[in-house]
Amino acid sequence: MAETKTTEWVKMKPSDIEKKVIELAKQGISAEKIGLKLRDEHGIPKVKLFNLKIKKILEKENLWQNPETKNVEKKLERLKKHSVKHIHDYPAKRSLVKNVPKLSKLKNR
């Protein structure tokens, strides 16, 4: 489906794009944000045009982290801090109790 005709105006080669994706991932940027940075800063509309996928590149370099797991971990950290500060916020404590199994379920995948 993706042809190289549509990417003639892009100056970067697929190998350069792979290097840039790996470099951004090592800086701690998530896969979703890497796609946005490539689009906004480097003029690459979609990595798929080069028959590449950000997830595949990151998996090959062992840099892939499941964004869903990462987001649930952040949420749990925020809820823990909040529940320590606001002891009588019972809905927050309930949300904390509900999200702990989600994290363990995601990590076991």
PDB file of N, CA and C in Angstrom:
ATOM      1  N   MET A   1       0.805  -1.174   0.000  1.00  0.00           N
ATOM      2  CA  MET A   1       0.000   0.000   0.000  1.00  0.00           C
ATOM      3  C   MET A   1       0.866   1.262   0.000  1.00  0.00           C
ATOM      4  N   ALA A   2       1.825   1.341   0.891  1.00  0.00           N
ATOM      5  CA  ALA A   2       2.686   2.510   0.972  1.00  0.00           C
ATOM      6  C   ALA A   2       3.775   2.418  -0.088  1.00  0.00           C
ATOM      7  N   GLU A   3       3.855   3.443  -0.892  1.00  0.00           N
ATOM      8  CA  GLU A   3       4.855   3.468  -1.949  1.00  0.00           C
ATOM      9  C   GLU A   3       5.892   4.525  -1.622  1.00  0.00           C
ATOM     10  N   THR A   4       7.065   4.383  -2.212  1.00  0.00           N
ATOM     11  CA  THR A   4       8.110   5.363  -1.959  1.00  0.00           C
ATOM     12  C   THR A   4       7.883   6.642  -2.752  1.00  0.00           C
ATOM     13  N   LYS A   5       6.979   6.639  -3.733  1.00  0.00           N
ATOM     14  CA  LYS A   5       6.669   7.838  -4.497  1.00  0.00           C
ATOM     15  C   LYS A   5       6.164   8.955  -3.585  1.00  0.00           C
ATOM     16  N   THR A   6       5.357   8.592  -2.596  1.00  0.00           N
ATOM     17  CA  THR A   6       4.756   9.589  -1.717  1.00  0.00           C
ATOM     18  C   THR A   6       5.774  10.180  -0.746  1.00  0.00           C
ATOM     19  N   THR A   7       6.938   9.555  -0.617  1.00  0.00           N
ATOM     20  CA  THR A   7       7.912  10.038   0.363  1.00  0.00           C
ATOM     21  C   THR A   7       9.136  10.673  -0.281  1.00  0.00           C
ATOM     22  N   GLU A   8       9.070  11.009  -1.564  1.00  0.00           N
ATOM     23  CA  GLU A   8      10.225  11.610  -2.230  1.00  0.00           C
ATOM     24  C   GLU A   8      10.593  12.963  -1.641  1.00  0.00           C
ATOM     25  N   TRP A   9       9.626  13.682  -1.121  1.00  0.00           N
ATOM     26  CA  TRP A   9       9.889  15.014  -0.581  1.00  0.00           C
ATOM     27  C   TRP A   9      10.486  14.981   0.819  1.00  0.00           C
ATOM     28  N   VAL A  10      10.457  13.823   1.473  1.00  0.00           N
ATOM     29  CA  VAL A  10      11.053  13.690   2.799  1.00  0.00           C
ATOM     30  C   VAL A  10      12.540  13.434   2.627  1.00  0.00           C
ATOM     31  N   LYS A  11      13.353  14.208   3.305  1.00  0.00           N
ATOM     32  CA  LYS A  11      14.806  14.143   3.137  1.00  0.00           C
ATOM     33  C   LYS A  11      15.455  12.967   3.864  1.00  0.00           C
ATOM     34  N   MET A  12      14.808  12.450   4.918  1.00  0.00           N
ATOM     35  CA  MET A  12      15.418  11.387   5.721  1.00  0.00           C
ATOM     36  C   MET A  12      15.221  10.023   5.072  1.00  0.00           C
ATOM     37  N   LYS A  13      16.195   9.163   5.279  1.00  0.00           N
ATOM     38  CA  LYS A  13      16.114   7.790   4.805  1.00  0.00           C
ATOM     39  C   LYS A  13      15.559   6.916   5.932  1.00  0.00           C
ATOM     40  N   PRO A  14      15.052   5.728   5.597  1.00  0.00           N
ATOM     41  CA  PRO A  14      14.508   4.861   6.653  1.00  0.00           C
ATOM     42  C   PRO A  14      15.516   4.541   7.760  1.00  0.00           C
ATOM     43  N   SER A  15      16.780   4.370   7.413  1.00  0.00           N
ATOM     44  CA  SER A  15      17.785   4.091   8.447  1.00  0.00           C
ATOM     45  C   SER A  15      17.958   5.285   9.383  1.00  0.00           C
ATOM     46  N   ASP A  16      17.876   6.507   8.819  1.00  0.00           N
ATOM     47  CA  ASP A  16      17.971   7.713   9.649  1.00  0.00           C
ATOM     48  C   ASP A  16      16.767   7.827  10.577  1.00  0.00           C
ATOM     49  N   ILE A  17      15.612   7.436  10.068  1.00  0.00           N
ATOM     50  CA  ILE A  17      14.401   7.495  10.884  1.00  0.00           C
ATOM     51  C   ILE A  17      14.509   6.510  12.042  1.00  0.00           C
ATOM     52  N   GLU A  18      15.014   5.307  11.764  1.00  0.00           N
ATOM     53  CA  GLU A  18      15.190   4.319  12.833  1.00  0.00           C
ATOM     54  C   GLU A  18      16.126   4.851  13.909  1.00  0.00           C
ATOM     55  N   LYS A  19      17.227   5.466  13.498  1.00  0.00           N
ATOM     56  CA  LYS A  19      18.178   6.028  14.466  1.00  0.00           C
ATOM     57  C   LYS A  19      17.520   7.113  15.306  1.00  0.00           C
ATOM     58  N   LYS A  20      16.706   7.951  14.672  1.00  0.00           N
ATOM     59  CA  LYS A  20      16.042   9.042  15.382  1.00  0.00           C
ATOM     60  C   LYS A  20      15.023   8.490  16.387  1.00  0.00           C
ATOM     61  N   VAL A  21      14.287   7.441  15.990  1.00  0.00           N
ATOM     62  CA  VAL A  21      13.306   6.825  16.890  1.00  0.00           C
ATOM     63  C   VAL A  21      14.018   6.246  18.112  1.00  0.00           C
ATOM     64  N   ILE A  22      15.130   5.564  17.895  1.00  0.00           N
ATOM     65  CA  ILE A  22      15.889   4.967  18.994  1.00  0.00           C
ATOM     66  C   ILE A  22      16.447   6.058  19.903  1.00  0.00           C
ATOM     67  N   GLU A  23      16.945   7.124  19.308  1.00  0.00           N
ATOM     68  CA  GLU A  23      17.494   8.240  20.086  1.00  0.00           C
ATOM     69  C   GLU A  23      16.415   8.870  20.970  1.00  0.00           C
ATOM     70  N   LEU A  24      15.226   9.089  20.406  1.00  0.00           N
ATOM     71  CA  LEU A  24      14.135   9.686  21.177  1.00  0.00           C
ATOM     72  C   LEU A  24      13.657   8.746  22.282  1.00  0.00           C
ATOM     73  N   ALA A  25      13.632   7.443  22.006  1.00  0.00           N
ATOM     74  CA  ALA A  25      13.203   6.480  23.013  1.00  0.00           C
ATOM     75  C   ALA A  25      14.191   6.437  24.180  1.00  0.00           C
ATOM     76  N   LYS A  26      15.467   6.576  23.890  1.00  0.00           N
ATOM     77  CA  LYS A  26      16.473   6.563  24.957  1.00  0.00           C
ATOM     78  C   LYS A  26      16.374   7.805  25.833  1.00  0.00           C
ATOM     79  N   GLN A  27      15.760   8.860  25.310  1.00  0.00           N
ATOM     80  CA  GLN A  27      15.536  10.070  26.102  1.00  0.00           C
ATOM     81  C   GLN A  27      14.323   9.921  27.026  1.00  0.00           C
ATOM     82  N   GLY A  28      13.615   8.786  26.893  1.00  0.00           N
ATOM     83  CA  GLY A  28      12.476   8.525  27.768  1.00  0.00           C
ATOM     84  C   GLY A  28      11.146   8.959  27.181  1.00  0.00           C
ATOM     85  N   ILE A  29      11.107   9.213  25.893  1.00  0.00           N
ATOM     86  CA  ILE A  29       9.877   9.647  25.245  1.00  0.00           C
ATOM     87  C   ILE A  29       9.082   8.417  24.818  1.00  0.00           C
ATOM     88  N   SER A  30       7.761   8.457  25.033  1.00  0.00           N
ATOM     89  CA  SER A  30       6.913   7.314  24.691  1.00  0.00           C
ATOM     90  C   SER A  30       6.738   7.209  23.178  1.00  0.00           C
ATOM     91  N   ALA A  31       6.266   6.052  22.730  1.00  0.00           N
ATOM     92  CA  ALA A  31       6.107   5.791  21.300  1.00  0.00           C
ATOM     93  C   ALA A  31       5.130   6.775  20.653  1.00  0.00           C
ATOM     94  N   GLU A  32       4.065   7.120  21.370  1.00  0.00           N
ATOM     95  CA  GLU A  32       3.083   8.050  20.837  1.00  0.00           C
ATOM     96  C   GLU A  32       3.704   9.422  20.622  1.00  0.00           C
ATOM     97  N   LYS A  33       4.480   9.866  21.577  1.00  0.00           N
ATOM     98  CA  LYS A  33       5.113  11.176  21.478  1.00  0.00           C
ATOM     99  C   LYS A  33       6.218  11.186  20.427  1.00  0.00           C
ATOM    100  N   ILE A  34       6.866  10.039  20.219  1.00  0.00           N
ATOM    101  CA  ILE A  34       7.896   9.948  19.173  1.00  0.00           C
ATOM    102  C   ILE A  34       7.265  10.224  17.816  1.00  0.00           C
ATOM    103  N   GLY A  35       6.098   9.630  17.566  1.00  0.00           N
ATOM    104  CA  GLY A  35       5.400   9.873  16.306  1.00  0.00           C
ATOM    105  C   GLY A  35       5.060  11.340  16.121  1.00  0.00           C
ATOM    106  N   LEU A  36       4.626  11.991  17.201  1.00  0.00           N
ATOM    107  CA  LEU A  36       4.297  13.412  17.122  1.00  0.00           C
ATOM    108  C   LEU A  36       5.536  14.259  16.863  1.00  0.00           C
ATOM    109  N   LYS A  37       6.644  13.927  17.531  1.00  0.00           N
ATOM    110  CA  LYS A  37       7.890  14.681  17.329  1.00  0.00           C
ATOM    111  C   LYS A  37       8.399  14.533  15.898  1.00  0.00           C
ATOM    112  N   LEU A  38       8.328  13.317  15.368  1.00  0.00           N
ATOM    113  CA  LEU A  38       8.765  13.109  13.988  1.00  0.00           C
ATOM    114  C   LEU A  38       7.910  13.926  13.031  1.00  0.00           C
ATOM    115  N   ARG A  39       6.622  13.994  13.306  1.00  0.00           N
ATOM    116  CA  ARG A  39       5.724  14.759  12.444  1.00  0.00           C
ATOM    117  C   ARG A  39       5.985  16.255  12.545  1.00  0.00           C
ATOM    118  N   ASP A  40       6.052  16.760  13.774  1.00  0.00           N
ATOM    119  CA  ASP A  40       6.141  18.200  13.981  1.00  0.00           C
ATOM    120  C   ASP A  40       7.524  18.778  13.723  1.00  0.00           C
ATOM    121  N   GLU A  41       8.561  18.093  14.176  1.00  0.00           N
ATOM    122  CA  GLU A  41       9.903  18.658  14.111  1.00  0.00           C
ATOM    123  C   GLU A  41      10.701  18.221  12.884  1.00  0.00           C
ATOM    124  N   HIS A  42      10.386  17.041  12.343  1.00  0.00           N
ATOM    125  CA  HIS A  42      11.209  16.517  11.256  1.00  0.00           C
ATOM    126  C   HIS A  42      10.449  16.362   9.947  1.00  0.00           C
ATOM    127  N   GLY A  43       9.161  16.696   9.931  1.00  0.00           N
ATOM    128  CA  GLY A  43       8.386  16.669   8.704  1.00  0.00           C
ATOM    129  C   GLY A  43       8.098  15.283   8.158  1.00  0.00           C
ATOM    130  N   ILE A  44       8.065  14.284   9.030  1.00  0.00           N
ATOM    131  CA  ILE A  44       7.755  12.919   8.604  1.00  0.00           C
ATOM    132  C   ILE A  44       6.301  12.662   8.999  1.00  0.00           C
ATOM    133  N   PRO A  45       5.376  12.640   8.034  1.00  0.00           N
ATOM    134  CA  PRO A  45       3.966  12.532   8.394  1.00  0.00           C
ATOM    135  C   PRO A  45       3.614  11.221   9.082  1.00  0.00           C
ATOM    136  N   LYS A  46       4.123  10.101   8.549  1.00  0.00           N
ATOM    137  CA  LYS A  46       3.888   8.804   9.155  1.00  0.00           C
ATOM    138  C   LYS A  46       5.091   7.920   8.877  1.00  0.00           C
ATOM    139  N   VAL A  47       5.498   7.187   9.875  1.00  0.00           N
ATOM    140  CA  VAL A  47       6.631   6.278   9.715  1.00  0.00           C
ATOM    141  C   VAL A  47       6.224   5.097   8.831  1.00  0.00           C
ATOM    142  N   LYS A  48       4.928   4.811   8.787  1.00  0.00           N
ATOM    143  CA  LYS A  48       4.429   3.707   7.969  1.00  0.00           C
ATOM    144  C   LYS A  48       4.725   3.908   6.481  1.00  0.00           C
ATOM    145  N   LEU A  49       4.901   5.157   6.045  1.00  0.00           N
ATOM    146  CA  LEU A  49       5.206   5.416   4.641  1.00  0.00           C
ATOM    147  C   LEU A  49       6.533   4.779   4.223  1.00  0.00           C
ATOM    148  N   PHE A  50       7.394   4.528   5.201  1.00  0.00           N
ATOM    149  CA  PHE A  50       8.696   3.910   4.934  1.00  0.00           C
ATOM    150  C   PHE A  50       8.678   2.420   5.262  1.00  0.00           C
ATOM    151  N   ASN A  51       7.479   1.863   5.400  1.00  0.00           N
ATOM    152  CA  ASN A  51       7.302   0.459   5.778  1.00  0.00           C
ATOM    153  C   ASN A  51       7.975   0.143   7.115  1.00  0.00           C
ATOM    154  N   LEU A  52       7.904   1.083   8.034  1.00  0.00           N
ATOM    155  CA  LEU A  52       8.441   0.914   9.378  1.00  0.00           C
ATOM    156  C   LEU A  52       7.302   1.110  10.375  1.00  0.00           C
ATOM    157  N   LYS A  53       7.502   0.600  11.580  1.00  0.00           N
ATOM    158  CA  LYS A  53       6.587   0.870  12.677  1.00  0.00           C
ATOM    159  C   LYS A  53       7.426   1.186  13.902  1.00  0.00           C
ATOM    160  N   ILE A  54       6.995   2.199  14.635  1.00  0.00           N
ATOM    161  CA  ILE A  54       7.751   2.631  15.808  1.00  0.00           C
ATOM    162  C   ILE A  54       7.842   1.494  16.819  1.00  0.00           C
ATOM    163  N   LYS A  55       6.742   0.785  17.034  1.00  0.00           N
ATOM    164  CA  LYS A  55       6.742  -0.297  18.008  1.00  0.00           C
ATOM    165  C   LYS A  55       7.735  -1.387  17.616  1.00  0.00           C
ATOM    166  N   LYS A  56       7.775  -1.744  16.344  1.00  0.00           N
ATOM    167  CA  LYS A  56       8.697  -2.792  15.879  1.00  0.00           C
ATOM    168  C   LYS A  56      10.149  -2.361  16.063  1.00  0.00           C
ATOM    169  N   ILE A  57      10.437  -1.092  15.775  1.00  0.00           N
ATOM    170  CA  ILE A  57      11.799  -0.576  15.945  1.00  0.00           C
ATOM    171  C   ILE A  57      12.200  -0.647  17.414  1.00  0.00           C
ATOM    172  N   LEU A  58      11.297  -0.226  18.300  1.00  0.00           N
ATOM    173  CA  LEU A  58      11.593  -0.219  19.732  1.00  0.00           C
ATOM    174  C   LEU A  58      11.702  -1.634  20.293  1.00  0.00           C
ATOM    175  N   GLU A  59      10.873  -2.549  19.803  1.00  0.00           N
ATOM    176  CA  GLU A  59      10.971  -3.945  20.262  1.00  0.00           C
ATOM    177  C   GLU A  59      12.296  -4.559  19.845  1.00  0.00           C
ATOM    178  N   LYS A  60      12.748  -4.226  18.653  1.00  0.00           N
ATOM    179  CA  LYS A  60      14.012  -4.757  18.157  1.00  0.00           C
ATOM    180  C   LYS A  60      15.178  -4.292  19.029  1.00  0.00           C
ATOM    181  N   GLU A  61      15.079  -3.094  19.570  1.00  0.00           N
ATOM    182  CA  GLU A  61      16.136  -2.530  20.416  1.00  0.00           C
ATOM    183  C   GLU A  61      15.866  -2.729  21.906  1.00  0.00           C
ATOM    184  N   ASN A  62      14.814  -3.471  22.259  1.00  0.00           N
ATOM    185  CA  ASN A  62      14.413  -3.715  23.651  1.00  0.00           C
ATOM    186  C   ASN A  62      14.132  -2.419  24.411  1.00  0.00           C
ATOM    187  N   LEU A  63      13.498  -1.462  23.746  1.00  0.00           N
ATOM    188  CA  LEU A  63      13.148  -0.195  24.375  1.00  0.00           C
ATOM    189  C   LEU A  63      11.636  -0.019  24.511  1.00  0.00           C
ATOM    190  N   TRP A  64      10.858  -1.023  24.080  1.00  0.00           N
ATOM    191  CA  TRP A  64       9.401  -0.908  24.092  1.00  0.00           C
ATOM    192  C   TRP A  64       8.852  -1.069  25.494  1.00  0.00           C
ATOM    193  N   GLN A  65       7.999  -0.123  25.883  1.00  0.00           N
ATOM    194  CA  GLN A  65       7.250  -0.217  27.133  1.00  0.00           C
ATOM    195  C   GLN A  65       5.780  -0.054  26.791  1.00  0.00           C
ATOM    196  N   ASN A  66       4.954  -0.902  27.347  1.00  0.00           N
ATOM    197  CA  ASN A  66       3.528  -0.821  27.083  1.00  0.00           C
ATOM    198  C   ASN A  66       3.004   0.493  27.656  1.00  0.00           C
ATOM    199  N   PRO A  67       2.450   1.374  26.823  1.00  0.00           N
ATOM    200  CA  PRO A  67       1.991   2.669  27.326  1.00  0.00           C
ATOM    201  C   PRO A  67       0.830   2.546  28.310  1.00  0.00           C
ATOM    202  N   GLU A  68       0.015   1.518  28.150  1.00  0.00           N
ATOM    203  CA  GLU A  68      -1.111   1.329  29.060  1.00  0.00           C
ATOM    204  C   GLU A  68      -0.604   1.030  30.474  1.00  0.00           C
ATOM    205  N   THR A  69       0.405   0.173  30.576  1.00  0.00           N
ATOM    206  CA  THR A  69       0.992  -0.150  31.878  1.00  0.00           C
ATOM    207  C   THR A  69       1.616   1.088  32.497  1.00  0.00           C
ATOM    208  N   LYS A  70       2.320   1.830  31.684  1.00  0.00           N
ATOM    209  CA  LYS A  70       2.977   3.042  32.157  1.00  0.00           C
ATOM    210  C   LYS A  70       1.960   4.052  32.703  1.00  0.00           C
ATOM    211  N   ASN A  71       0.834   4.203  31.999  1.00  0.00           N
ATOM    212  CA  ASN A  71      -0.193   5.145  32.426  1.00  0.00           C
ATOM    213  C   ASN A  71      -0.864   4.703  33.721  1.00  0.00           C
ATOM    214  N   VAL A  72      -1.107   3.414  33.876  1.00  0.00           N
ATOM    215  CA  VAL A  72      -1.732   2.919  35.113  1.00  0.00           C
ATOM    216  C   VAL A  72      -0.768   3.104  36.282  1.00  0.00           C
ATOM    217  N   GLU A  73       0.525   2.881  36.056  1.00  0.00           N
ATOM    218  CA  GLU A  73       1.508   3.100  37.128  1.00  0.00           C
ATOM    219  C   GLU A  73       1.519   4.553  37.571  1.00  0.00           C
ATOM    220  N   LYS A  74       1.493   5.479  36.630  1.00  0.00           N
ATOM    221  CA  LYS A  74       1.469   6.908  36.969  1.00  0.00           C
ATOM    222  C   LYS A  74       0.212   7.258  37.758  1.00  0.00           C
ATOM    223  N   LYS A  75      -0.923   6.698  37.328  1.00  0.00           N
ATOM    224  CA  LYS A  75      -2.178   6.969  38.009  1.00  0.00           C
ATOM    225  C   LYS A  75      -2.139   6.469  39.447  1.00  0.00           C
ATOM    226  N   LEU A  76      -1.579   5.270  39.641  1.00  0.00           N
ATOM    227  CA  LEU A  76      -1.482   4.722  40.995  1.00  0.00           C
ATOM    228  C   LEU A  76      -0.583   5.587  41.877  1.00  0.00           C
ATOM    229  N   GLU A  77       0.522   6.082  41.327  1.00  0.00           N
ATOM    230  CA  GLU A  77       1.409   6.959  42.104  1.00  0.00           C
ATOM    231  C   GLU A  77       0.675   8.218  42.539  1.00  0.00           C
ATOM    232  N   ARG A  78      -0.074   8.821  41.606  1.00  0.00           N
ATOM    233  CA  ARG A  78      -0.827  10.039  41.939  1.00  0.00           C
ATOM    234  C   ARG A  78      -1.881   9.764  43.002  1.00  0.00           C
ATOM    235  N   LEU A  79      -2.576   8.635  42.859  1.00  0.00           N
ATOM    236  CA  LEU A  79      -3.611   8.290  43.837  1.00  0.00           C
ATOM    237  C   LEU A  79      -3.020   8.021  45.214  1.00  0.00           C
ATOM    238  N   LYS A  80      -1.855   7.376  45.269  1.00  0.00           N
ATOM    239  CA  LYS A  80      -1.215   7.108  46.558  1.00  0.00           C
ATOM    240  C   LYS A  80      -0.836   8.410  47.245  1.00  0.00           C
ATOM    241  N   LYS A  81      -0.227   9.329  46.497  1.00  0.00           N
ATOM    242  CA  LYS A  81       0.137  10.625  47.079  1.00  0.00           C
ATOM    243  C   LYS A  81      -1.096  11.361  47.570  1.00  0.00           C
ATOM    244  N   HIS A  82      -2.149  11.326  46.757  1.00  0.00           N
ATOM    245  CA  HIS A  82      -3.378  12.031  47.107  1.00  0.00           C
ATOM    246  C   HIS A  82      -4.019  11.435  48.357  1.00  0.00           C
ATOM    247  N   SER A  83      -4.085  10.109  48.433  1.00  0.00           N
ATOM    248  CA  SER A  83      -4.755   9.480  49.570  1.00  0.00           C
ATOM    249  C   SER A  83      -3.973   9.654  50.870  1.00  0.00           C
ATOM    250  N   VAL A  84      -2.656   9.831  50.782  1.00  0.00           N
ATOM    251  CA  VAL A  84      -1.874  10.115  51.987  1.00  0.00           C
ATOM    252  C   VAL A  84      -2.191  11.524  52.487  1.00  0.00           C
ATOM    253  N   LYS A  85      -2.324  12.454  51.560  1.00  0.00           N
ATOM    254  CA  LYS A  85      -2.589  13.844  51.929  1.00  0.00           C
ATOM    255  C   LYS A  85      -4.041  14.039  52.375  1.00  0.00           C
ATOM    256  N   HIS A  86      -4.978  13.383  51.677  1.00  0.00           N
ATOM    257  CA  HIS A  86      -6.408  13.534  51.966  1.00  0.00           C
ATOM    258  C   HIS A  86      -6.949  12.203  52.490  1.00  0.00           C
ATOM    259  N   ILE A  87      -6.822  12.017  53.767  1.00  0.00           N
ATOM    260  CA  ILE A  87      -7.124  10.741  54.411  1.00  0.00           C
ATOM    261  C   ILE A  87      -8.596  10.346  54.253  1.00  0.00           C
ATOM    262  N   HIS A  88      -9.507  11.302  54.271  1.00  0.00           N
ATOM    263  CA  HIS A  88     -10.937  10.985  54.245  1.00  0.00           C
ATOM    264  C   HIS A  88     -11.532  11.017  52.844  1.00  0.00           C
ATOM    265  N   ASP A  89     -10.716  10.981  51.830  1.00  0.00           N
ATOM    266  CA  ASP A  89     -11.217  10.922  50.451  1.00  0.00           C
ATOM    267  C   ASP A  89     -11.415   9.451  50.080  1.00  0.00           C
ATOM    268  N   TYR A  90     -12.580   8.942  50.429  1.00  0.00           N
ATOM    269  CA  TYR A  90     -12.852   7.522  50.234  1.00  0.00           C
ATOM    270  C   TYR A  90     -13.006   7.116  48.764  1.00  0.00           C
ATOM    271  N   PRO A  91     -13.599   7.962  47.920  1.00  0.00           N
ATOM    272  CA  PRO A  91     -13.641   7.587  46.498  1.00  0.00           C
ATOM    273  C   PRO A  91     -12.245   7.416  45.881  1.00  0.00           C
ATOM    274  N   ALA A  92     -11.297   8.222  46.318  1.00  0.00           N
ATOM    275  CA  ALA A  92      -9.927   8.085  45.816  1.00  0.00           C
ATOM    276  C   ALA A  92      -9.311   6.768  46.290  1.00  0.00           C
ATOM    277  N   LYS A  93      -9.578   6.413  47.540  1.00  0.00           N
ATOM    278  CA  LYS A  93      -9.068   5.141  48.049  1.00  0.00           C
ATOM    279  C   LYS A  93      -9.682   3.969  47.306  1.00  0.00           C
ATOM    280  N   ARG A  94     -10.967   4.081  46.991  1.00  0.00           N
ATOM    281  CA  ARG A  94     -11.645   3.029  46.225  1.00  0.00           C
ATOM    282  C   ARG A  94     -11.031   2.915  44.826  1.00  0.00           C
ATOM    283  N   SER A  95     -10.763   4.040  44.214  1.00  0.00           N
ATOM    284  CA  SER A  95     -10.140   4.039  42.896  1.00  0.00           C
ATOM    285  C   SER A  95      -8.754   3.399  42.949  1.00  0.00           C
ATOM    286  N   LEU A  96      -8.037   3.654  44.015  1.00  0.00           N
ATOM    287  CA  LEU A  96      -6.725   3.041  44.203  1.00  0.00           C
ATOM    288  C   LEU A  96      -6.853   1.525  44.300  1.00  0.00           C
ATOM    289  N   VAL A  97      -7.825   1.060  45.056  1.00  0.00           N
ATOM    290  CA  VAL A  97      -8.049  -0.374  45.219  1.00  0.00           C
ATOM    291  C   VAL A  97      -8.457  -1.011  43.893  1.00  0.00           C
ATOM    292  N   LYS A  98      -9.233  -0.289  43.076  1.00  0.00           N
ATOM    293  CA  LYS A  98      -9.682  -0.824  41.797  1.00  0.00           C
ATOM    294  C   LYS A  98      -8.564  -0.874  40.755  1.00  0.00           C
ATOM    295  N   ASN A  99      -7.598   0.023  40.851  1.00  0.00           N
ATOM    296  CA  ASN A  99      -6.556   0.108  39.831  1.00  0.00           C
ATOM    297  C   ASN A  99      -5.359  -0.796  40.093  1.00  0.00           C
ATOM    298  N   VAL A 100      -5.165  -1.248  41.318  1.00  0.00           N
ATOM    299  CA  VAL A 100      -4.046  -2.149  41.617  1.00  0.00           C
ATOM    300  C   VAL A 100      -4.170  -3.464  40.839  1.00  0.00           C
ATOM    301  N   PRO A 101      -5.346  -4.095  40.795  1.00  0.00           N
ATOM    302  CA  PRO A 101      -5.453  -5.329  39.992  1.00  0.00           C
ATOM    303  C   PRO A 101      -5.259  -5.093  38.494  1.00  0.00           C
ATOM    304  N   LYS A 102      -5.647  -3.913  38.015  1.00  0.00           N
ATOM    305  CA  LYS A 102      -5.430  -3.592  36.596  1.00  0.00           C
ATOM    306  C   LYS A 102      -3.962  -3.666  36.249  1.00  0.00           C
ATOM    307  N   LEU A 103      -3.138  -3.102  37.137  1.00  0.00           N
ATOM    308  CA  LEU A 103      -1.696  -3.084  36.894  1.00  0.00           C
ATOM    309  C   LEU A 103      -1.122  -4.485  36.882  1.00  0.00           C
ATOM    310  N   SER A 104      -1.521  -5.306  37.849  1.00  0.00           N
ATOM    311  CA  SER A 104      -0.992  -6.661  37.887  1.00  0.00           C
ATOM    312  C   SER A 104      -1.458  -7.475  36.673  1.00  0.00           C
ATOM    313  N   LYS A 105      -2.666  -7.212  36.226  1.00  0.00           N
ATOM    314  CA  LYS A 105      -3.193  -7.893  35.045  1.00  0.00           C
ATOM    315  C   LYS A 105      -2.399  -7.490  33.795  1.00  0.00           C
ATOM    316  N   LEU A 106      -2.068  -6.215  33.690  1.00  0.00           N
ATOM    317  CA  LEU A 106      -1.300  -5.733  32.532  1.00  0.00           C
ATOM    318  C   LEU A 106       0.127  -6.253  32.550  1.00  0.00           C
ATOM    319  N   LYS A 107       0.699  -6.372  33.727  1.00  0.00           N
ATOM    320  CA  LYS A 107       2.091  -6.859  33.816  1.00  0.00           C
ATOM    321  C   LYS A 107       2.189  -8.343  33.526  1.00  0.00           C
ATOM    322  N   ASN A 108       1.117  -9.089  33.746  1.00  0.00           N
ATOM    323  CA  ASN A 108       1.145 -10.531  33.504  1.00  0.00           C
ATOM    324  C   ASN A 108       0.923 -10.895  32.040  1.00  0.00           C
ATOM    325  N   ARG A 109       0.583  -9.935  31.217  1.00  0.00           N
ATOM    326  CA  ARG A 109       0.387 -10.217  29.793  1.00  0.00           C
ATOM    327  C   ARG A 109       1.640 -10.619  29.119  1.00  0.00           C
TER     328      ARG A 109
END
